[in-house]
Each structure stands twice: as structure tokens, then as C-alpha cells.
mmCIF file of all heavy atoms, coordinates in Angstrom:
data_MODEL
# 
_entry.id   MODEL 
# 
loop_
_atom_site.group_PDB 
_atom_site.id 
_atom_site.type_symbol 
_atom_site.label_atom_id 
_atom_site.label_alt_id 
_atom_site.label_comp_id 
_atom_site.label_asym_id 
_atom_site.label_entity_id 
_atom_site.label_seq_id 
_atom_site.pdbx_PDB_ins_code 
_atom_site.Cartn_x 
_atom_site.Cartn_y 
_atom_site.Cartn_z 
_atom_site.occupancy 
_atom_site.B_iso_or_equiv 
_atom_site.pdbx_formal_charge 
_atom_site.auth_seq_id 
_atom_site.auth_comp_id 
_atom_site.auth_asym_id 
_atom_site.auth_atom_id 
_atom_site.pdbx_PDB_model_num 
ATOM 1   N N   . GLN A 1 1  ? -8.843  -10.046 -6.784  1.00 0.00 ? 1  GLN A N   1 
ATOM 2   C CA  . GLN A 1 1  ? -7.933  -8.954  -7.093  1.00 0.00 ? 1  GLN A CA  1 
ATOM 3   C C   . GLN A 1 1  ? -7.492  -8.207  -5.856  1.00 0.00 ? 1  GLN A C   1 
ATOM 4   O O   . GLN A 1 1  ? -8.327  -7.878  -5.037  1.00 0.00 ? 1  GLN A O   1 
ATOM 5   C CB  . GLN A 1 1  ? -8.625  -7.969  -8.073  1.00 0.00 ? 1  GLN A CB  1 
ATOM 6   C CG  . GLN A 1 1  ? -8.974  -8.573  -9.422  1.00 0.00 ? 1  GLN A CG  1 
ATOM 7   C CD  . GLN A 1 1  ? -9.586  -7.525  -10.333 1.00 0.00 ? 1  GLN A CD  1 
ATOM 8   O OE1 . GLN A 1 1  ? -9.017  -6.430  -10.510 1.00 0.00 ? 1  GLN A OE1 1 
ATOM 9   N NE2 . GLN A 1 1  ? -10.695 -7.850  -10.916 1.00 0.00 ? 1  GLN A NE2 1 
ATOM 10  N N   . LEU A 1 2  ? -6.196  -7.979  -5.784  1.00 0.00 ? 2  LEU A N   1 
ATOM 11  C CA  . LEU A 1 2  ? -5.625  -7.210  -4.691  1.00 0.00 ? 2  LEU A CA  1 
ATOM 12  C C   . LEU A 1 2  ? -4.974  -5.975  -5.342  1.00 0.00 ? 2  LEU A C   1 
ATOM 13  O O   . LEU A 1 2  ? -4.081  -6.080  -6.137  1.00 0.00 ? 2  LEU A O   1 
ATOM 14  C CB  . LEU A 1 2  ? -4.578  -7.993  -3.941  1.00 0.00 ? 2  LEU A CB  1 
ATOM 15  C CG  . LEU A 1 2  ? -5.063  -9.323  -3.341  1.00 0.00 ? 2  LEU A CG  1 
ATOM 16  C CD1 . LEU A 1 2  ? -3.877  -10.093 -2.707  1.00 0.00 ? 2  LEU A CD1 1 
ATOM 17  C CD2 . LEU A 1 2  ? -6.123  -9.033  -2.254  1.00 0.00 ? 2  LEU A CD2 1 
ATOM 18  N N   . VAL A 1 3  ? -5.447  -4.769  -4.917  1.00 0.00 ? 3  VAL A N   1 
ATOM 19  C CA  . VAL A 1 3  ? -4.959  -3.585  -5.528  1.00 0.00 ? 3  VAL A CA  1 
ATOM 20  C C   . VAL A 1 3  ? -4.266  -2.771  -4.484  1.00 0.00 ? 3  VAL A C   1 
ATOM 21  O O   . VAL A 1 3  ? -4.856  -2.390  -3.436  1.00 0.00 ? 3  VAL A O   1 
ATOM 22  C CB  . VAL A 1 3  ? -6.171  -2.754  -6.059  1.00 0.00 ? 3  VAL A CB  1 
ATOM 23  C CG1 . VAL A 1 3  ? -5.620  -1.458  -6.659  1.00 0.00 ? 3  VAL A CG1 1 
ATOM 24  C CG2 . VAL A 1 3  ? -6.920  -3.565  -7.135  1.00 0.00 ? 3  VAL A CG2 1 
ATOM 25  N N   . GLU A 1 4  ? -3.013  -2.518  -4.715  1.00 0.00 ? 4  GLU A N   1 
ATOM 26  C CA  . GLU A 1 4  ? -2.085  -1.873  -3.752  1.00 0.00 ? 4  GLU A CA  1 
ATOM 27  C C   . GLU A 1 4  ? -1.937  -0.404  -4.070  1.00 0.00 ? 4  GLU A C   1 
ATOM 28  O O   . GLU A 1 4  ? -2.057  0.039   -5.261  1.00 0.00 ? 4  GLU A O   1 
ATOM 29  C CB  . GLU A 1 4  ? -0.762  -2.520  -3.768  1.00 0.00 ? 4  GLU A CB  1 
ATOM 30  C CG  . GLU A 1 4  ? -0.838  -4.047  -3.327  1.00 0.00 ? 4  GLU A CG  1 
ATOM 31  C CD  . GLU A 1 4  ? 0.421   -4.728  -3.634  1.00 0.00 ? 4  GLU A CD  1 
ATOM 32  O OE1 . GLU A 1 4  ? 1.210   -4.296  -4.520  1.00 0.00 ? 4  GLU A OE1 1 
ATOM 33  O OE2 . GLU A 1 4  ? 0.669   -5.801  -3.000  1.00 0.00 ? 4  GLU A OE2 1 
ATOM 34  N N   . SER A 1 5  ? -1.675  0.402   -3.086  1.00 0.00 ? 5  SER A N   1 
ATOM 35  C CA  . SER A 1 5  ? -1.386  1.764   -3.226  1.00 0.00 ? 5  SER A CA  1 
ATOM 36  C C   . SER A 1 5  ? -0.548  2.236   -2.038  1.00 0.00 ? 5  SER A C   1 
ATOM 37  O O   . SER A 1 5  ? -0.415  1.573   -1.046  1.00 0.00 ? 5  SER A O   1 
ATOM 38  C CB  . SER A 1 5  ? -2.697  2.604   -3.294  1.00 0.00 ? 5  SER A CB  1 
ATOM 39  O OG  . SER A 1 5  ? -3.414  2.479   -2.099  1.00 0.00 ? 5  SER A OG  1 
ATOM 40  N N   . GLY A 1 6  ? 0.059   3.400   -2.171  1.00 0.00 ? 6  GLY A N   1 
ATOM 41  C CA  . GLY A 1 6  ? 0.805   3.994   -1.083  1.00 0.00 ? 6  GLY A CA  1 
ATOM 42  C C   . GLY A 1 6  ? 2.357   3.997   -1.225  1.00 0.00 ? 6  GLY A C   1 
ATOM 43  O O   . GLY A 1 6  ? 2.967   4.591   -0.411  1.00 0.00 ? 6  GLY A O   1 
ATOM 44  N N   . GLY A 1 7  ? 2.796   3.312   -2.217  1.00 0.00 ? 7  GLY A N   1 
ATOM 45  C CA  . GLY A 1 7  ? 4.250   3.291   -2.400  1.00 0.00 ? 7  GLY A CA  1 
ATOM 46  C C   . GLY A 1 7  ? 4.741   4.607   -2.903  1.00 0.00 ? 7  GLY A C   1 
ATOM 47  O O   . GLY A 1 7  ? 3.972   5.487   -3.315  1.00 0.00 ? 7  GLY A O   1 
ATOM 48  N N   . GLY A 1 8  ? 6.045   4.744   -2.917  1.00 0.00 ? 8  GLY A N   1 
ATOM 49  C CA  . GLY A 1 8  ? 6.661   5.983   -3.416  1.00 0.00 ? 8  GLY A CA  1 
ATOM 50  C C   . GLY A 1 8  ? 8.068   6.189   -2.958  1.00 0.00 ? 8  GLY A C   1 
ATOM 51  O O   . GLY A 1 8  ? 8.734   5.220   -2.436  1.00 0.00 ? 8  GLY A O   1 
ATOM 52  N N   . LEU A 1 9  ? 8.559   7.343   -3.056  1.00 0.00 ? 9  LEU A N   1 
ATOM 53  C CA  . LEU A 1 9  ? 9.868   7.687   -2.650  1.00 0.00 ? 9  LEU A CA  1 
ATOM 54  C C   . LEU A 1 9  ? 9.860   8.431   -1.333  1.00 0.00 ? 9  LEU A C   1 
ATOM 55  O O   . LEU A 1 9  ? 9.059   9.403   -1.159  1.00 0.00 ? 9  LEU A O   1 
ATOM 56  C CB  . LEU A 1 9  ? 10.544  8.635   -3.740  1.00 0.00 ? 9  LEU A CB  1 
ATOM 57  C CG  . LEU A 1 9  ? 11.940  9.184   -3.406  1.00 0.00 ? 9  LEU A CG  1 
ATOM 58  C CD1 . LEU A 1 9  ? 12.969  8.053   -3.311  1.00 0.00 ? 9  LEU A CD1 1 
ATOM 59  C CD2 . LEU A 1 9  ? 12.313  10.148  -4.511  1.00 0.00 ? 9  LEU A CD2 1 
ATOM 60  N N   . VAL A 1 10 ? 10.684  7.997   -0.388  1.00 0.00 ? 10 VAL A N   1 
ATOM 61  C CA  . VAL A 1 10 ? 10.735  8.643   0.889   1.00 0.00 ? 10 VAL A CA  1 
ATOM 62  C C   . VAL A 1 10 ? 12.175  8.656   1.387   1.00 0.00 ? 10 VAL A C   1 
ATOM 63  O O   . VAL A 1 10 ? 12.979  7.803   1.029   1.00 0.00 ? 10 VAL A O   1 
ATOM 64  C CB  . VAL A 1 10 ? 9.847   7.863   1.886   1.00 0.00 ? 10 VAL A CB  1 
ATOM 65  C CG1 . VAL A 1 10 ? 10.395  6.463   2.158   1.00 0.00 ? 10 VAL A CG1 1 
ATOM 66  C CG2 . VAL A 1 10 ? 9.683   8.608   3.212   1.00 0.00 ? 10 VAL A CG2 1 
ATOM 67  N N   . GLN A 1 11 ? 12.484  9.634   2.225   1.00 0.00 ? 11 GLN A N   1 
ATOM 68  C CA  . GLN A 1 11 ? 13.827  9.785   2.763   1.00 0.00 ? 11 GLN A CA  1 
ATOM 69  C C   . GLN A 1 11 ? 14.003  8.852   3.888   1.00 0.00 ? 11 GLN A C   1 
ATOM 70  O O   . GLN A 1 11 ? 13.005  8.426   4.565   1.00 0.00 ? 11 GLN A O   1 
ATOM 71  C CB  . GLN A 1 11 ? 14.055  11.241  3.218   1.00 0.00 ? 11 GLN A CB  1 
ATOM 72  C CG  . GLN A 1 11 ? 14.127  12.199  2.092   1.00 0.00 ? 11 GLN A CG  1 
ATOM 73  C CD  . GLN A 1 11 ? 14.431  13.612  2.605   1.00 0.00 ? 11 GLN A CD  1 
ATOM 74  O OE1 . GLN A 1 11 ? 14.225  13.936  3.744   1.00 0.00 ? 11 GLN A OE1 1 
ATOM 75  N NE2 . GLN A 1 11 ? 14.976  14.463  1.703   1.00 0.00 ? 11 GLN A NE2 1 
ATOM 76  N N   . PRO A 1 12 ? 15.237  8.367   4.225   1.00 0.00 ? 12 PRO A N   1 
ATOM 77  C CA  . PRO A 1 12 ? 15.492  7.602   5.373   1.00 0.00 ? 12 PRO A CA  1 
ATOM 78  C C   . PRO A 1 12 ? 14.897  8.228   6.646   1.00 0.00 ? 12 PRO A C   1 
ATOM 79  O O   . PRO A 1 12 ? 15.035  9.445   6.838   1.00 0.00 ? 12 PRO A O   1 
ATOM 80  C CB  . PRO A 1 12 ? 17.014  7.533   5.434   1.00 0.00 ? 12 PRO A CB  1 
ATOM 81  C CG  . PRO A 1 12 ? 17.430  7.664   4.011   1.00 0.00 ? 12 PRO A CG  1 
ATOM 82  C CD  . PRO A 1 12 ? 16.500  8.678   3.411   1.00 0.00 ? 12 PRO A CD  1 
ATOM 83  N N   . GLY A 1 13 ? 14.285  7.407   7.438   1.00 0.00 ? 13 GLY A N   1 
ATOM 84  C CA  . GLY A 1 13 ? 13.633  7.910   8.631   1.00 0.00 ? 13 GLY A CA  1 
ATOM 85  C C   . GLY A 1 13 ? 12.206  8.304   8.426   1.00 0.00 ? 13 GLY A C   1 
ATOM 86  O O   . GLY A 1 13 ? 11.441  8.590   9.413   1.00 0.00 ? 13 GLY A O   1 
ATOM 87  N N   . GLY A 1 14 ? 11.763  8.354   7.205   1.00 0.00 ? 14 GLY A N   1 
ATOM 88  C CA  . GLY A 1 14 ? 10.413  8.708   6.895   1.00 0.00 ? 14 GLY A CA  1 
ATOM 89  C C   . GLY A 1 14 ? 9.416   7.600   7.039   1.00 0.00 ? 14 GLY A C   1 
ATOM 90  O O   . GLY A 1 14 ? 9.780   6.509   7.424   1.00 0.00 ? 14 GLY A O   1 
ATOM 91  N N   . SER A 1 15 ? 8.195   7.916   6.671   1.00 0.00 ? 15 SER A N   1 
ATOM 92  C CA  . SER A 1 15 ? 7.119   6.899   6.808   1.00 0.00 ? 15 SER A CA  1 
ATOM 93  C C   . SER A 1 15 ? 6.257   6.821   5.539   1.00 0.00 ? 15 SER A C   1 
ATOM 94  O O   . SER A 1 15 ? 6.142   7.791   4.784   1.00 0.00 ? 15 SER A O   1 
ATOM 95  C CB  . SER A 1 15 ? 6.249   7.318   7.963   1.00 0.00 ? 15 SER A CB  1 
ATOM 96  O OG  . SER A 1 15 ? 6.900   7.304   9.220   1.00 0.00 ? 15 SER A OG  1 
ATOM 97  N N   . LEU A 1 16 ? 5.730   5.678   5.353   1.00 0.00 ? 16 LEU A N   1 
ATOM 98  C CA  . LEU A 1 16 ? 4.750   5.424   4.324   1.00 0.00 ? 16 LEU A CA  1 
ATOM 99  C C   . LEU A 1 16 ? 3.679   4.448   4.845   1.00 0.00 ? 16 LEU A C   1 
ATOM 100 O O   . LEU A 1 16 ? 4.019   3.624   5.711   1.00 0.00 ? 16 LEU A O   1 
ATOM 101 C CB  . LEU A 1 16 ? 5.414   4.810   3.028   1.00 0.00 ? 16 LEU A CB  1 
ATOM 102 C CG  . LEU A 1 16 ? 6.257   5.687   2.138   1.00 0.00 ? 16 LEU A CG  1 
ATOM 103 C CD1 . LEU A 1 16 ? 6.908   4.810   1.108   1.00 0.00 ? 16 LEU A CD1 1 
ATOM 104 C CD2 . LEU A 1 16 ? 5.394   6.781   1.519   1.00 0.00 ? 16 LEU A CD2 1 
ATOM 105 N N   . ARG A 1 17 ? 2.511   4.547   4.321   1.00 0.00 ? 17 ARG A N   1 
ATOM 106 C CA  . ARG A 1 17 ? 1.481   3.538   4.620   1.00 0.00 ? 17 ARG A CA  1 
ATOM 107 C C   . ARG A 1 17 ? 1.005   2.938   3.325   1.00 0.00 ? 17 ARG A C   1 
ATOM 108 O O   . ARG A 1 17 ? 0.423   3.650   2.487   1.00 0.00 ? 17 ARG A O   1 
ATOM 109 C CB  . ARG A 1 17 ? 0.307   4.158   5.356   1.00 0.00 ? 17 ARG A CB  1 
ATOM 110 C CG  . ARG A 1 17 ? -0.641  3.054   5.881   1.00 0.00 ? 17 ARG A CG  1 
ATOM 111 C CD  . ARG A 1 17 ? -1.821  3.594   6.698   1.00 0.00 ? 17 ARG A CD  1 
ATOM 112 N NE  . ARG A 1 17 ? -2.855  4.176   5.845   1.00 0.00 ? 17 ARG A NE  1 
ATOM 113 C CZ  . ARG A 1 17 ? -4.120  4.297   6.237   1.00 0.00 ? 17 ARG A CZ  1 
ATOM 114 N NH1 . ARG A 1 17 ? -4.503  3.894   7.431   1.00 0.00 ? 17 ARG A NH1 1 
ATOM 115 N NH2 . ARG A 1 17 ? -4.979  4.868   5.429   1.00 0.00 ? 17 ARG A NH2 1 
ATOM 116 N N   . LEU A 1 18 ? 1.184   1.631   3.246   1.00 0.00 ? 18 LEU A N   1 
ATOM 117 C CA  . LEU A 1 18 ? 0.703   0.884   2.106   1.00 0.00 ? 18 LEU A CA  1 
ATOM 118 C C   . LEU A 1 18 ? -0.701  0.391   2.351   1.00 0.00 ? 18 LEU A C   1 
ATOM 119 O O   . LEU A 1 18 ? -1.001  -0.011  3.491   1.00 0.00 ? 18 LEU A O   1 
ATOM 120 C CB  . LEU A 1 18 ? 1.634   -0.288  1.722   1.00 0.00 ? 18 LEU A CB  1 
ATOM 121 C CG  . LEU A 1 18 ? 3.124   0.042   1.571   1.00 0.00 ? 18 LEU A CG  1 
ATOM 122 C CD1 . LEU A 1 18 ? 3.851   -1.250  1.174   1.00 0.00 ? 18 LEU A CD1 1 
ATOM 123 C CD2 . LEU A 1 18 ? 3.298   1.114   0.485   1.00 0.00 ? 18 LEU A CD2 1 
ATOM 124 N N   . SER A 1 19 ? -1.512  0.371   1.316   1.00 0.00 ? 19 SER A N   1 
ATOM 125 C CA  . SER A 1 19 ? -2.869  -0.149  1.427   1.00 0.00 ? 19 SER A CA  1 
ATOM 126 C C   . SER A 1 19 ? -3.035  -1.197  0.347   1.00 0.00 ? 19 SER A C   1 
ATOM 127 O O   . SER A 1 19 ? -2.473  -1.134  -0.719  1.00 0.00 ? 19 SER A O   1 
ATOM 128 C CB  . SER A 1 19 ? -3.925  0.937   1.246   1.00 0.00 ? 19 SER A CB  1 
ATOM 129 O OG  . SER A 1 19 ? -3.793  1.949   2.249   1.00 0.00 ? 19 SER A OG  1 
ATOM 130 N N   . CYS A 1 20 ? -3.867  -2.193  0.656   1.00 0.00 ? 20 CYS A N   1 
ATOM 131 C CA  . CYS A 1 20 ? -4.225  -3.233  -0.320  1.00 0.00 ? 20 CYS A CA  1 
ATOM 132 C C   . CYS A 1 20 ? -5.690  -3.558  -0.159  1.00 0.00 ? 20 CYS A C   1 
ATOM 133 O O   . CYS A 1 20 ? -6.093  -4.052  0.874   1.00 0.00 ? 20 CYS A O   1 
ATOM 134 C CB  . CYS A 1 20 ? -3.347  -4.449  -0.036  1.00 0.00 ? 20 CYS A CB  1 
ATOM 135 S SG  . CYS A 1 20 ? -3.764  -5.885  -1.038  1.00 0.00 ? 20 CYS A SG  1 
ATOM 136 N N   . ALA A 1 21 ? -6.448  -3.263  -1.189  1.00 0.00 ? 21 ALA A N   1 
ATOM 137 C CA  . ALA A 1 21 ? -7.877  -3.530  -1.190  1.00 0.00 ? 21 ALA A CA  1 
ATOM 138 C C   . ALA A 1 21 ? -8.132  -4.775  -1.974  1.00 0.00 ? 21 ALA A C   1 
ATOM 139 O O   . ALA A 1 21 ? -7.629  -4.995  -3.075  1.00 0.00 ? 21 ALA A O   1 
ATOM 140 C CB  . ALA A 1 21 ? -8.606  -2.365  -1.807  1.00 0.00 ? 21 ALA A CB  1 
ATOM 141 N N   . SER A 1 22 ? -8.976  -5.609  -1.414  1.00 0.00 ? 22 SER A N   1 
ATOM 142 C CA  . SER A 1 22 ? -9.323  -6.913  -2.000  1.00 0.00 ? 22 SER A CA  1 
ATOM 143 C C   . SER A 1 22 ? -10.712 -6.997  -2.527  1.00 0.00 ? 22 SER A C   1 
ATOM 144 O O   . SER A 1 22 ? -11.666 -6.418  -1.899  1.00 0.00 ? 22 SER A O   1 
ATOM 145 C CB  . SER A 1 22 ? -9.100  -8.012  -0.977  1.00 0.00 ? 22 SER A CB  1 
ATOM 146 O OG  . SER A 1 22 ? -9.521  -9.254  -1.477  1.00 0.00 ? 22 SER A OG  1 
ATOM 147 N N   . SER A 1 23 ? -10.883 -7.658  -3.612  1.00 0.00 ? 23 SER A N   1 
ATOM 148 C CA  . SER A 1 23 ? -12.227 -7.962  -4.156  1.00 0.00 ? 23 SER A CA  1 
ATOM 149 C C   . SER A 1 23 ? -12.754 -9.343  -3.763  1.00 0.00 ? 23 SER A C   1 
ATOM 150 O O   . SER A 1 23 ? -13.821 -9.711  -4.142  1.00 0.00 ? 23 SER A O   1 
ATOM 151 C CB  . SER A 1 23 ? -12.223 -7.789  -5.668  1.00 0.00 ? 23 SER A CB  1 
ATOM 152 O OG  . SER A 1 23 ? -11.404 -8.788  -6.270  1.00 0.00 ? 23 SER A OG  1 
ATOM 153 N N   . GLY A 1 24 ? -11.945 -10.066 -3.040  1.00 0.00 ? 24 GLY A N   1 
ATOM 154 C CA  . GLY A 1 24 ? -12.253 -11.424 -2.687  1.00 0.00 ? 24 GLY A CA  1 
ATOM 155 C C   . GLY A 1 24 ? -13.410 -11.535 -1.734  1.00 0.00 ? 24 GLY A C   1 
ATOM 156 O O   . GLY A 1 24 ? -13.490 -10.816 -0.726  1.00 0.00 ? 24 GLY A O   1 
ATOM 157 N N   . ARG A 1 25 ? -14.310 -12.478 -1.990  1.00 0.00 ? 25 ARG A N   1 
ATOM 158 C CA  . ARG A 1 25 ? -15.467 -12.663 -1.121  1.00 0.00 ? 25 ARG A CA  1 
ATOM 159 C C   . ARG A 1 25 ? -15.076 -13.329 0.201   1.00 0.00 ? 25 ARG A C   1 
ATOM 160 O O   . ARG A 1 25 ? -15.831 -13.257 1.160   1.00 0.00 ? 25 ARG A O   1 
ATOM 161 C CB  . ARG A 1 25 ? -16.478 -13.548 -1.829  1.00 0.00 ? 25 ARG A CB  1 
ATOM 162 C CG  . ARG A 1 25 ? -17.167 -12.885 -3.003  1.00 0.00 ? 25 ARG A CG  1 
ATOM 163 C CD  . ARG A 1 25 ? -18.276 -13.747 -3.584  1.00 0.00 ? 25 ARG A CD  1 
ATOM 164 N NE  . ARG A 1 25 ? -17.843 -14.990 -4.127  1.00 0.00 ? 25 ARG A NE  1 
ATOM 165 C CZ  . ARG A 1 25 ? -17.431 -15.127 -5.389  1.00 0.00 ? 25 ARG A CZ  1 
ATOM 166 N NH1 . ARG A 1 25 ? -17.425 -14.083 -6.214  1.00 0.00 ? 25 ARG A NH1 1 
ATOM 167 N NH2 . ARG A 1 25 ? -17.000 -16.322 -5.824  1.00 0.00 ? 25 ARG A NH2 1 
ATOM 168 N N   . THR A 1 26 ? -13.940 -13.969 0.282   1.00 0.00 ? 26 THR A N   1 
ATOM 169 C CA  . THR A 1 26 ? -13.509 -14.616 1.476   1.00 0.00 ? 26 THR A CA  1 
ATOM 170 C C   . THR A 1 26 ? -12.444 -13.873 2.250   1.00 0.00 ? 26 THR A C   1 
ATOM 171 O O   . THR A 1 26 ? -11.753 -14.373 3.048   1.00 0.00 ? 26 THR A O   1 
ATOM 172 C CB  . THR A 1 26 ? -12.959 -16.076 1.155   1.00 0.00 ? 26 THR A CB  1 
ATOM 173 O OG1 . THR A 1 26 ? -11.826 -15.909 0.238   1.00 0.00 ? 26 THR A OG1 1 
ATOM 174 C CG2 . THR A 1 26 ? -14.013 -16.900 0.476   1.00 0.00 ? 26 THR A CG2 1 
# 
């Protein structure tokens, strides 16, 4: 399972950080 977060609405020139947490053993 890959669970993402951090998306959203931002103005041009702005910043976001996306994260993705994995449950995979490998």
C-alpha cells in the first residue's frame, strides 16, 4: 500500500510537498 498526502490548492509560484508512505517490506 502506498498512501499519499500533501496535495492541495496552491497559487502559481507556491510550493507543496507530497509524501508517500509505503507498507511494502521491500
